[in-house]
Amino acid sequence: MTNVLHITPHFGGGVGSVLRTLIDGLQDSYGYQQEIVTFEDMNAHSQEWARAQGHTVHSEMSSLSPALHAMARASDIVHIHFWNHPLTYQFLWAFSGGAARVVLWAHCNGHHAPNMFPSAALTFPEIFVTTSEYSLKAPSVQAQSEEWRKNHICNITSCCDTTEFTKITPVKHSGIVVGYVGTVDYCKMHRDSINILAAVSTPDIRFIICGEDSHNTIQTTAQTKGVASKFDFLGKVSNVPSVLAEMDIFAYPLTPDHYGTGEQVLVEAMAAGIPQVVLNNGPESSIVQNGITGIIANSPEAFTNAIELLASDPELRLQMGINSKRHAAMQHTTTTMVNAWNMVYTELLSHPKKTCIFNCPPLAQARQNDVATGLFLCSLVDEQVQNIFSTTFSFSPNPLPEEMCDKLNTLHDIYFAEGKGSIHQYARFLKDVKLLYASRIVREIKQ
């Protein structure tokens, strides 16, 4: 029996739903024996699932653990679930030189720092798999040789079981309800999301915002702008189908340089028969069928207009809802995903284990005590941003010159989130003196 070792930073949320679906499908359809390693915790729901299914889980395991490295070498296949997380990069660095059959599945789109694909991550596994066709156009992918792109990368769209969403019965209500479910933070949402939605002139319209992270900050924005009465901020919701049952339109205004890829919540809205309105960003545009399942808007103003159009035309909403259900059932199936992964595994098993090399220039240039900062710089890919942080590190532990403070202050908010590959996340997990210094400086700048 083929054994597969899944390695993931954590196991929960949208990615957790996809992994549960994949692991169950691979076991039920093909009999793979699978173990799971998480660097952080596995949430309660996933723990219950693992116990019920009999999966062996090694939760909160150190990325430097000799036991983990021995497991990776002994496994028939090592399946790494990838996004910018300090412990994932630490594992790639620490395991470099070890022999294994490795496949890496990217759960970020690879187009924008700090969630781009470093060449070191692309070439570490035997096969690099994306979750969106959009990712195949990422700059670092296109920079690889034609031969590499032909033999070492493919796309498998991620999805989870949407059966419960297909069974949603709409809840009767007055007026129009427009909803958003997902990360409520400007590192993912469009910075003008509140203005975009509040500009909708349709009478008797209500906006539901579901999700965590910075929802209090964004709710304060609505209050400051005097439009809070139009919004219901629900925070994290445990029963997403019940919330979708209230919605007439699913609005998903994301920032153009977000890190997302499979956008599972869009597929869930489709399965529920709710028309979607999105901006013309790569990941969303590869999921929504413009004019068929929803509307792809080319600007914030067009986004507002699209909601007004759908709000005023119940027949259009109904037809797009029917189209959405049909499209989700045909194009976003767990069977397709599981079968595609079996083909990748079969291909991997036809080759001997190979020595994995994590070849990252910032690490090659770093001294032994600067590995942590080297990993952070490697993850950024963007040379301009690398230079800003590298120079910042060089001033530790002394005060940072005002000129450098100004340069840090010009960077995108995502560099200063608590997670998502930010300086704060790297400092928290790797506990390096220079990372902690830069994290403290950034907090002072952003006060």
Protein backbone atom coordinates (compact mmCIF):
# COMPACT_ATOMS: atom_id res chain seq x y z
CA MET A 1 0.00 0.00 0.00
CA THR A 2 1.36 3.41 -1.00
CA ASN A 3 1.88 5.76 1.95
CA VAL A 4 1.58 9.52 1.58
CA LEU A 5 2.81 12.09 4.09
CA HIS A 6 0.86 15.37 3.98
CA ILE A 7 2.76 18.34 5.43
CA THR A 8 0.87 21.59 6.03
CA PRO A 9 1.46 24.70 8.15
CA HIS A 10 -1.97 24.34 9.74
CA PHE A 11 -5.16 22.44 9.12
CA GLY A 12 -8.38 24.42 9.21
CA GLY A 13 -10.46 27.00 7.37
CA GLY A 14 -10.91 26.82 3.60
CA VAL A 15 -7.69 24.88 2.97
CA GLY A 16 -8.68 22.44 5.70
CA SER A 17 -11.98 21.74 3.95
CA VAL A 18 -10.15 21.03 0.70
CA LEU A 19 -7.61 18.75 2.40
CA ARG A 20 -10.28 16.75 4.20
CA THR A 21 -12.06 16.22 0.89
CA LEU A 22 -8.85 15.24 -0.91
CA ILE A 23 -7.57 12.86 1.76
CA ASP A 24 -10.93 11.11 2.10
CA GLY A 25 -11.24 10.81 -1.68
CA LEU A 26 -7.76 9.37 -2.11
CA GLN A 27 -8.40 6.84 0.63
CA ASP A 28 -11.87 5.80 -0.53
CA SER A 29 -11.15 5.67 -4.26
CA TYR A 30 -7.53 4.52 -4.38
CA GLY A 31 -6.62 3.13 -0.97
CA TYR A 32 -3.69 5.42 -0.20
CA GLN A 33 -2.45 5.22 3.38
CA GLN A 34 -2.01 8.80 4.55
CA GLU A 35 -0.48 10.58 7.53
CA ILE A 36 -0.75 14.28 8.31
CA VAL A 37 1.84 16.61 9.83
CA THR A 38 0.92 20.15 10.88
CA PHE A 39 3.39 22.75 12.12
CA GLU A 40 0.63 24.63 13.92
CA ASP A 41 -2.53 23.21 15.42
CA MET A 42 -5.30 21.30 13.71
CA ASN A 43 -8.69 22.83 14.47
CA ALA A 44 -11.26 20.92 16.52
CA HIS A 45 -13.47 20.04 13.53
CA SER A 46 -10.53 18.56 11.64
CA GLN A 47 -9.34 16.65 14.71
CA GLU A 48 -12.76 15.03 15.03
CA TRP A 49 -12.69 14.18 11.31
CA ALA A 50 -9.22 12.62 11.57
CA ARG A 51 -10.24 10.46 14.53
CA ALA A 52 -13.42 9.32 12.78
CA GLN A 53 -11.52 8.44 9.59
CA GLY A 54 -8.61 6.80 11.38
CA HIS A 55 -5.96 9.17 10.00
CA THR A 56 -2.71 9.48 11.94
CA VAL A 57 -2.02 13.13 12.78
CA HIS A 58 1.20 14.66 14.10
CA SER A 59 0.04 18.10 15.21
CA GLU A 60 2.35 21.02 16.09
CA MET A 61 5.43 19.10 14.95
CA SER A 62 8.66 21.04 14.62
CA SER A 63 9.76 21.72 11.06
CA LEU A 64 13.32 20.94 12.26
CA SER A 65 12.37 17.61 13.86
CA PRO A 66 14.67 14.71 12.89
CA ALA A 67 11.63 12.44 13.29
CA LEU A 68 9.75 14.45 10.67
CA HIS A 69 12.68 14.31 8.25
CA ALA A 70 12.93 10.55 8.77
CA MET A 71 9.20 10.22 8.04
CA ALA A 72 9.63 12.23 4.84
CA ARG A 73 12.52 10.07 3.66
CA ALA A 74 10.62 6.86 4.46
CA SER A 75 7.32 7.86 2.82
CA ASP A 76 6.51 6.84 -0.74
CA ILE A 77 5.22 10.37 -1.43
CA VAL A 78 5.60 13.65 0.46
CA HIS A 79 2.76 16.06 -0.33
CA ILE A 80 3.56 19.60 0.86
CA HIS A 81 0.69 22.11 1.04
CA PHE A 82 2.31 25.45 0.33
CA TRP A 83 1.75 29.10 1.01
CA ASN A 84 4.09 31.67 2.55
CA HIS A 85 4.54 30.41 6.08
CA PRO A 86 7.85 30.64 7.97
CA LEU A 87 7.74 27.04 9.18
CA THR A 88 7.17 25.69 5.68
CA TYR A 89 10.19 27.57 4.40
CA GLN A 90 12.17 26.41 7.41
CA PHE A 91 11.28 22.80 6.57
CA LEU A 92 12.30 23.20 2.90
CA TRP A 93 15.64 24.61 4.03
CA ALA A 94 16.22 21.99 6.74
CA PHE A 95 15.24 19.03 4.54
CA SER A 96 17.40 20.22 1.64
CA GLY A 97 19.74 17.39 0.71
CA GLY A 98 17.25 14.73 1.75
CA ALA A 99 15.87 12.24 -0.77
CA ALA A 100 12.11 11.88 -1.28
CA ARG A 101 9.36 11.95 -3.88
CA VAL A 102 7.97 15.41 -3.23
CA VAL A 103 4.98 17.15 -4.74
CA LEU A 104 4.12 20.68 -3.66
CA TRP A 105 0.58 22.07 -3.99
CA ALA A 106 0.43 25.88 -3.92
CA HIS A 107 -2.56 27.40 -2.14
CA CYS A 108 -1.60 30.96 -3.14
CA ASN A 109 -1.62 32.41 -6.64
CA GLY A 110 2.07 33.32 -6.89
CA HIS A 111 1.64 36.70 -8.57
CA HIS A 112 2.17 39.12 -5.71
CA ALA A 113 4.67 39.36 -2.87
CA PRO A 114 4.85 38.12 -0.23
CA ASN A 115 3.00 35.16 -1.72
CA MET A 116 4.98 34.69 -4.90
CA PHE A 117 6.73 31.47 -5.88
CA PRO A 118 10.49 31.67 -5.29
CA SER A 119 12.44 29.64 -7.81
CA ALA A 120 13.77 27.65 -4.85
CA ALA A 121 10.23 26.50 -3.99
CA LEU A 122 9.34 25.76 -7.62
CA THR A 123 12.31 23.49 -8.16
CA PHE A 124 12.40 21.81 -4.73
CA PRO A 125 9.75 19.15 -5.56
CA GLU A 126 9.62 16.76 -8.47
CA ILE A 127 6.23 18.24 -9.40
CA PHE A 128 4.87 21.68 -8.49
CA VAL A 129 1.06 21.90 -8.65
CA THR A 130 -0.99 25.10 -8.75
CA THR A 131 -4.64 25.48 -7.72
CA SER A 132 -5.58 27.96 -10.46
CA GLU A 133 -4.73 28.22 -14.14
CA TYR A 134 -3.93 31.87 -13.37
CA SER A 135 -0.91 30.72 -11.35
CA LEU A 136 0.67 29.15 -14.42
CA LYS A 137 1.13 32.71 -15.67
CA ALA A 138 2.98 33.84 -12.53
CA PRO A 139 6.26 35.66 -13.36
CA SER A 140 8.50 33.16 -11.58
CA VAL A 141 6.79 30.25 -13.36
CA GLN A 142 7.23 31.90 -16.74
CA ALA A 143 10.88 32.53 -15.91
CA GLN A 144 11.55 28.78 -15.74
CA SER A 145 12.71 26.91 -18.82
CA GLU A 146 10.19 25.55 -21.29
CA GLU A 147 11.42 22.03 -20.52
CA TRP A 148 10.80 22.53 -16.79
CA ARG A 149 7.30 23.92 -17.41
CA LYS A 150 6.52 20.93 -19.61
CA ASN A 151 7.69 18.28 -17.14
CA HIS A 152 7.46 19.69 -13.62
CA ILE A 153 4.33 21.83 -13.22
CA CYS A 154 0.60 21.31 -13.67
CA ASN A 155 -2.68 22.65 -12.33
CA ILE A 156 -5.30 20.89 -10.22
CA THR A 157 -8.17 23.14 -9.21
CA SER A 158 -8.94 22.81 -5.52
CA CYS A 159 -12.47 22.16 -4.33
CA CYS A 160 -14.36 20.57 -1.47
CA ASP A 161 -17.67 18.79 -1.17
CA THR A 162 -20.41 21.32 -1.93
CA THR A 163 -23.35 18.94 -1.48
CA GLU A 164 -24.73 20.82 1.52
CA PHE A 165 -24.62 24.07 -0.46
CA THR A 166 -26.67 22.60 -3.32
CA LYS A 167 -29.42 21.81 -0.81
CA ILE A 168 -29.77 25.36 0.52
CA THR A 169 -33.34 26.65 0.58
CA PRO A 170 -33.42 30.46 0.23
CA VAL A 171 -34.79 32.28 3.25
CA LYS A 172 -37.59 34.70 2.44
CA HIS A 173 -36.82 38.30 3.36
CA SER A 174 -37.70 41.84 2.42
CA GLY A 175 -35.47 43.92 0.14
CA ILE A 176 -32.16 42.74 -1.33
CA VAL A 177 -29.43 41.04 0.68
CA VAL A 178 -25.85 41.21 -0.64
CA GLY A 179 -23.26 39.12 1.16
CA TYR A 180 -19.51 38.63 1.52
CA VAL A 181 -17.90 35.61 3.18
CA GLY A 182 -14.14 35.34 3.54
CA THR A 183 -11.11 37.11 4.95
CA VAL A 184 -12.25 40.47 6.32
CA ASP A 185 -8.95 42.30 6.06
CA TYR A 186 -7.53 44.76 3.55
CA CYS A 187 -4.75 42.30 2.74
CA LYS A 188 -7.51 40.40 0.86
CA MET A 189 -10.46 42.76 0.46
CA HIS A 190 -10.33 45.80 -1.79
CA ARG A 191 -9.34 48.85 0.25
CA ASP A 192 -12.43 50.70 -0.98
CA SER A 193 -14.82 47.80 -0.31
CA ILE A 194 -17.01 49.82 2.04
CA ASN A 195 -17.27 52.71 -0.46
CA ILE A 196 -17.92 50.33 -3.36
CA LEU A 197 -20.81 48.66 -1.57
CA ALA A 198 -22.20 51.74 0.13
CA ALA A 199 -22.38 53.49 -3.26
CA VAL A 200 -25.11 51.08 -4.38
CA SER A 201 -28.21 53.26 -4.72
CA THR A 202 -30.78 50.45 -4.67
CA PRO A 203 -33.37 51.13 -1.97
CA ASP A 204 -33.98 48.61 0.82
CA ILE A 205 -30.62 46.85 0.37
CA ARG A 206 -28.56 45.27 3.14
CA PHE A 207 -24.95 44.03 3.19
CA ILE A 208 -23.80 41.05 5.29
CA ILE A 209 -20.05 40.77 5.95
CA CYS A 210 -18.84 37.44 7.37
CA GLY A 211 -15.29 36.65 8.40
CA GLU A 212 -12.56 37.51 10.86
CA ASP A 213 -9.07 39.01 10.93
CA SER A 214 -9.69 42.80 10.85
CA HIS A 215 -13.48 42.90 10.77
CA ASN A 216 -13.57 45.37 13.70
CA THR A 217 -11.30 47.76 11.79
CA ILE A 218 -13.42 47.56 8.66
CA GLN A 219 -16.60 47.95 10.70
CA THR A 220 -15.09 51.12 12.19
CA THR A 221 -14.45 52.35 8.63
CA ALA A 222 -18.16 51.97 7.87
CA GLN A 223 -19.04 53.85 11.04
CA THR A 224 -16.59 56.64 10.26
CA LYS A 225 -18.06 57.05 6.79
CA GLY A 226 -21.56 57.18 8.20
CA VAL A 227 -22.81 54.09 6.33
CA ALA A 228 -22.75 51.51 9.14
CA SER A 229 -26.54 51.16 9.06
CA LYS A 230 -26.25 49.43 5.67
CA PHE A 231 -23.95 46.69 7.01
CA ASP A 232 -24.19 43.71 9.32
CA PHE A 233 -20.73 42.55 10.44
CA LEU A 234 -21.21 39.00 11.70
CA GLY A 235 -17.57 38.05 12.31
CA LYS A 236 -16.70 34.38 11.91
CA VAL A 237 -19.73 32.23 11.17
CA SER A 238 -19.82 28.50 11.93
CA ASN A 239 -22.69 27.74 9.54
CA VAL A 240 -21.92 29.28 6.16
CA PRO A 241 -24.86 27.62 4.32
CA SER A 242 -27.33 29.31 6.68
CA VAL A 243 -25.81 32.70 5.86
CA LEU A 244 -25.77 32.05 2.11
CA ALA A 245 -29.45 31.11 2.33
CA GLU A 246 -30.21 34.76 3.10
CA MET A 247 -28.29 36.19 0.13
CA ASP A 248 -29.61 37.35 -3.22
CA ILE A 249 -26.16 38.38 -4.52
CA PHE A 250 -22.67 37.28 -3.52
CA ALA A 251 -20.30 40.28 -3.64
CA TYR A 252 -16.57 39.53 -3.55
CA PRO A 253 -14.54 42.73 -4.03
CA LEU A 254 -10.92 41.70 -3.57
CA THR A 255 -7.78 43.79 -3.84
CA PRO A 256 -6.03 43.34 -7.22
CA ASP A 257 -2.84 42.04 -5.62
CA HIS A 258 -4.36 39.52 -3.25
CA TYR A 259 -2.83 36.11 -2.58
CA GLY A 260 -5.94 33.93 -3.08
CA THR A 261 -6.31 31.22 -5.66
CA GLY A 262 -9.05 28.56 -5.52
CA GLU A 263 -11.51 30.91 -3.76
CA GLN A 264 -13.63 28.05 -2.50
CA VAL A 265 -16.31 30.39 -1.20
CA LEU A 266 -17.08 31.48 -4.78
CA VAL A 267 -17.69 27.85 -5.72
CA GLU A 268 -19.91 27.44 -2.65
CA ALA A 269 -21.95 30.47 -3.68
CA MET A 270 -22.26 28.98 -7.18
CA ALA A 271 -23.40 25.64 -5.78
CA ALA A 272 -25.99 27.51 -3.72
CA GLY A 273 -27.31 29.21 -6.86
CA ILE A 274 -26.27 32.75 -5.92
CA PRO A 275 -24.98 35.04 -8.70
CA GLN A 276 -21.51 36.41 -8.02
CA VAL A 277 -20.05 39.86 -8.57
CA VAL A 278 -16.24 40.06 -8.63
CA LEU A 279 -13.53 42.41 -9.82
CA ASN A 280 -11.46 41.46 -12.86
CA ASN A 281 -8.65 39.81 -10.91
CA GLY A 282 -6.96 36.64 -12.16
CA PRO A 283 -8.19 34.07 -9.62
CA GLU A 284 -11.82 35.24 -9.58
CA SER A 285 -11.96 35.63 -13.36
CA SER A 286 -10.87 32.02 -13.78
CA ILE A 287 -13.86 30.87 -11.70
CA VAL A 288 -16.77 33.21 -12.48
CA GLN A 289 -18.28 33.05 -15.98
CA ASN A 290 -19.00 36.64 -16.92
CA GLY A 291 -22.62 37.21 -17.86
CA ILE A 292 -23.45 33.55 -17.19
CA THR A 293 -22.90 32.75 -13.52
CA GLY A 294 -22.22 36.32 -12.44
CA ILE A 295 -20.57 39.58 -13.43
CA ILE A 296 -16.86 40.38 -13.68
CA ALA A 297 -16.45 44.12 -13.14
CA ASN A 298 -13.53 46.01 -14.64
CA SER A 299 -13.53 48.79 -12.03
CA PRO A 300 -14.95 49.61 -8.59
CA GLU A 301 -17.63 51.74 -10.26
CA ALA A 302 -18.59 48.85 -12.54
CA PHE A 303 -18.79 46.60 -9.46
CA THR A 304 -21.31 48.96 -7.86
CA ASN A 305 -23.29 49.10 -11.12
CA ALA A 306 -23.32 45.31 -11.39
CA ILE A 307 -24.92 44.96 -7.97
CA GLU A 308 -27.51 47.57 -8.90
CA LEU A 309 -28.27 45.69 -12.13
CA LEU A 310 -28.75 42.35 -10.39
CA ALA A 311 -30.73 43.92 -7.57
CA SER A 312 -33.17 45.42 -10.08
CA ASP A 313 -33.60 42.28 -12.21
CA PRO A 314 -34.92 39.20 -10.36
CA GLU A 315 -35.15 37.18 -13.59
CA LEU A 316 -31.45 37.77 -14.32
CA ARG A 317 -30.57 36.73 -10.76
CA LEU A 318 -32.65 33.58 -11.16
CA GLN A 319 -31.07 32.62 -14.49
CA MET A 320 -27.53 33.27 -13.24
CA GLY A 321 -28.34 31.22 -10.15
CA ILE A 322 -29.45 28.28 -12.31
CA ASN A 323 -26.34 28.63 -14.47
CA SER A 324 -24.17 28.77 -11.34
CA LYS A 325 -25.53 25.52 -9.94
CA ARG A 326 -25.00 23.79 -13.28
CA HIS A 327 -21.45 25.14 -13.67
CA ALA A 328 -20.42 24.15 -10.13
CA ALA A 329 -21.78 20.64 -10.63
CA MET A 330 -19.90 20.20 -13.92
CA GLN A 331 -16.60 22.03 -13.39
CA HIS A 332 -15.88 21.97 -9.66
CA THR A 333 -16.21 18.35 -8.59
CA THR A 334 -14.26 16.52 -5.94
CA THR A 335 -14.09 13.45 -8.19
CA THR A 336 -12.16 15.41 -10.83
CA MET A 337 -9.73 16.73 -8.20
CA VAL A 338 -9.13 13.32 -6.59
CA ASN A 339 -8.63 11.58 -9.95
CA ALA A 340 -6.16 14.25 -11.03
CA TRP A 341 -4.15 13.77 -7.84
CA ASN A 342 -4.07 10.02 -8.36
CA MET A 343 -2.51 10.67 -11.78
CA VAL A 344 0.15 12.91 -10.19
CA TYR A 345 0.89 10.31 -7.53
CA THR A 346 1.14 7.60 -10.19
CA GLU A 347 3.61 9.72 -12.14
CA LEU A 348 5.69 10.34 -9.00
CA LEU A 349 5.81 6.65 -8.16
CA SER A 350 7.23 5.87 -11.60
CA HIS A 351 10.42 7.75 -10.64
CA PRO A 352 13.00 7.00 -7.94
CA LYS A 353 13.30 9.34 -4.98
CA LYS A 354 15.41 12.37 -5.76
CA THR A 355 17.59 14.63 -3.65
CA CYS A 356 15.65 17.80 -2.84
CA ILE A 357 17.62 21.04 -3.03
CA PHE A 358 16.40 24.38 -1.66
CA ASN A 359 18.55 26.79 -3.65
CA CYS A 360 17.74 30.31 -2.46
CA PRO A 361 20.22 33.19 -3.11
CA PRO A 362 19.42 35.16 0.10
CA LEU A 363 20.19 32.02 2.10
CA ALA A 364 23.35 31.27 0.15
CA GLN A 365 24.59 34.77 1.01
CA ALA A 366 23.54 34.59 4.67
CA ARG A 367 25.80 33.70 7.58
CA GLN A 368 24.76 30.73 9.72
CA ASN A 369 23.13 32.98 12.34
CA ASP A 370 21.14 34.80 9.65
CA VAL A 371 19.18 31.82 8.31
CA ALA A 372 15.87 33.14 9.65
CA THR A 373 16.24 36.51 7.91
CA GLY A 374 17.43 34.68 4.79
CA LEU A 375 14.23 32.59 4.76
CA PHE A 376 12.10 35.72 5.12
CA LEU A 377 13.94 37.49 2.30
CA CYS A 378 13.70 34.39 0.10
CA SER A 379 9.92 34.29 0.57
CA LEU A 380 9.54 37.88 -0.65
CA VAL A 381 10.99 37.29 -4.17
CA ASP A 382 10.53 40.99 -5.00
CA GLU A 383 14.09 42.42 -5.03
CA GLN A 384 13.03 45.96 -4.13
CA VAL A 385 11.18 44.76 -1.05
CA GLN A 386 14.02 42.38 -0.18
CA ASN A 387 16.43 45.34 -0.24
CA ILE A 388 14.21 47.44 2.04
CA PHE A 389 14.01 44.69 4.67
CA SER A 390 17.65 43.64 4.26
CA THR A 391 18.77 47.22 4.91
CA THR A 392 16.40 47.43 7.88
CA PHE A 393 17.97 44.29 9.38
CA SER A 394 21.45 45.81 9.00
CA PHE A 395 20.58 48.58 11.49
CA SER A 396 19.64 46.15 14.28
CA PRO A 397 19.71 46.90 17.21
CA ASN A 398 20.17 50.62 16.55
CA PRO A 399 17.45 53.18 15.71
CA LEU A 400 16.27 52.99 12.11
CA PRO A 401 16.92 56.16 10.06
CA GLU A 402 13.83 58.13 9.10
CA GLU A 403 14.50 57.51 5.40
CA MET A 404 14.20 53.74 5.95
CA CYS A 405 11.08 54.19 8.09
CA ASP A 406 9.52 56.06 5.17
CA LYS A 407 10.41 53.22 2.77
CA LEU A 408 8.86 50.62 5.08
CA ASN A 409 5.75 52.75 5.36
CA THR A 410 5.23 52.67 1.58
CA LEU A 411 4.88 48.87 1.48
CA HIS A 412 1.55 47.08 1.06
CA ASP A 413 -0.49 46.36 4.19
CA ILE A 414 -0.04 42.62 3.71
CA TYR A 415 3.60 42.92 4.80
CA PHE A 416 2.32 44.12 8.17
CA ALA A 417 -0.56 41.69 8.75
CA GLU A 418 -0.28 39.32 11.69
CA GLY A 419 -0.07 36.34 9.34
CA LYS A 420 0.07 35.86 5.54
CA GLY A 421 3.89 35.75 5.37
CA SER A 422 4.36 39.09 7.15
CA ILE A 423 7.39 40.28 9.10
CA HIS A 424 5.35 39.83 12.31
CA GLN A 425 4.57 36.19 11.50
CA TYR A 426 8.21 35.38 10.73
CA ALA A 427 9.35 37.11 13.93
CA ARG A 428 6.74 35.26 16.00
CA PHE A 429 7.61 31.79 14.69
CA LEU A 430 11.35 32.02 14.09
CA LYS A 431 12.13 34.30 17.07
CA ASP A 432 15.19 35.76 15.35
CA VAL A 433 16.69 38.95 16.84
CA LYS A 434 16.71 40.87 13.54
CA LEU A 435 13.19 39.77 12.62
CA LEU A 436 11.95 40.82 16.05
CA TYR A 437 13.73 44.16 15.64
CA ALA A 438 12.10 44.81 12.25
CA SER A 439 8.70 43.71 13.58
CA ARG A 440 8.98 46.16 16.48
CA ILE A 441 10.05 49.00 14.16
CA VAL A 442 7.10 48.33 11.84
CA ARG A 443 4.63 48.38 14.75
CA GLU A 444 6.03 51.74 15.86
CA ILE A 445 5.73 53.14 12.34
CA LYS A 446 2.15 51.91 11.95
CA GLN A 447 0.91 53.23 15.32
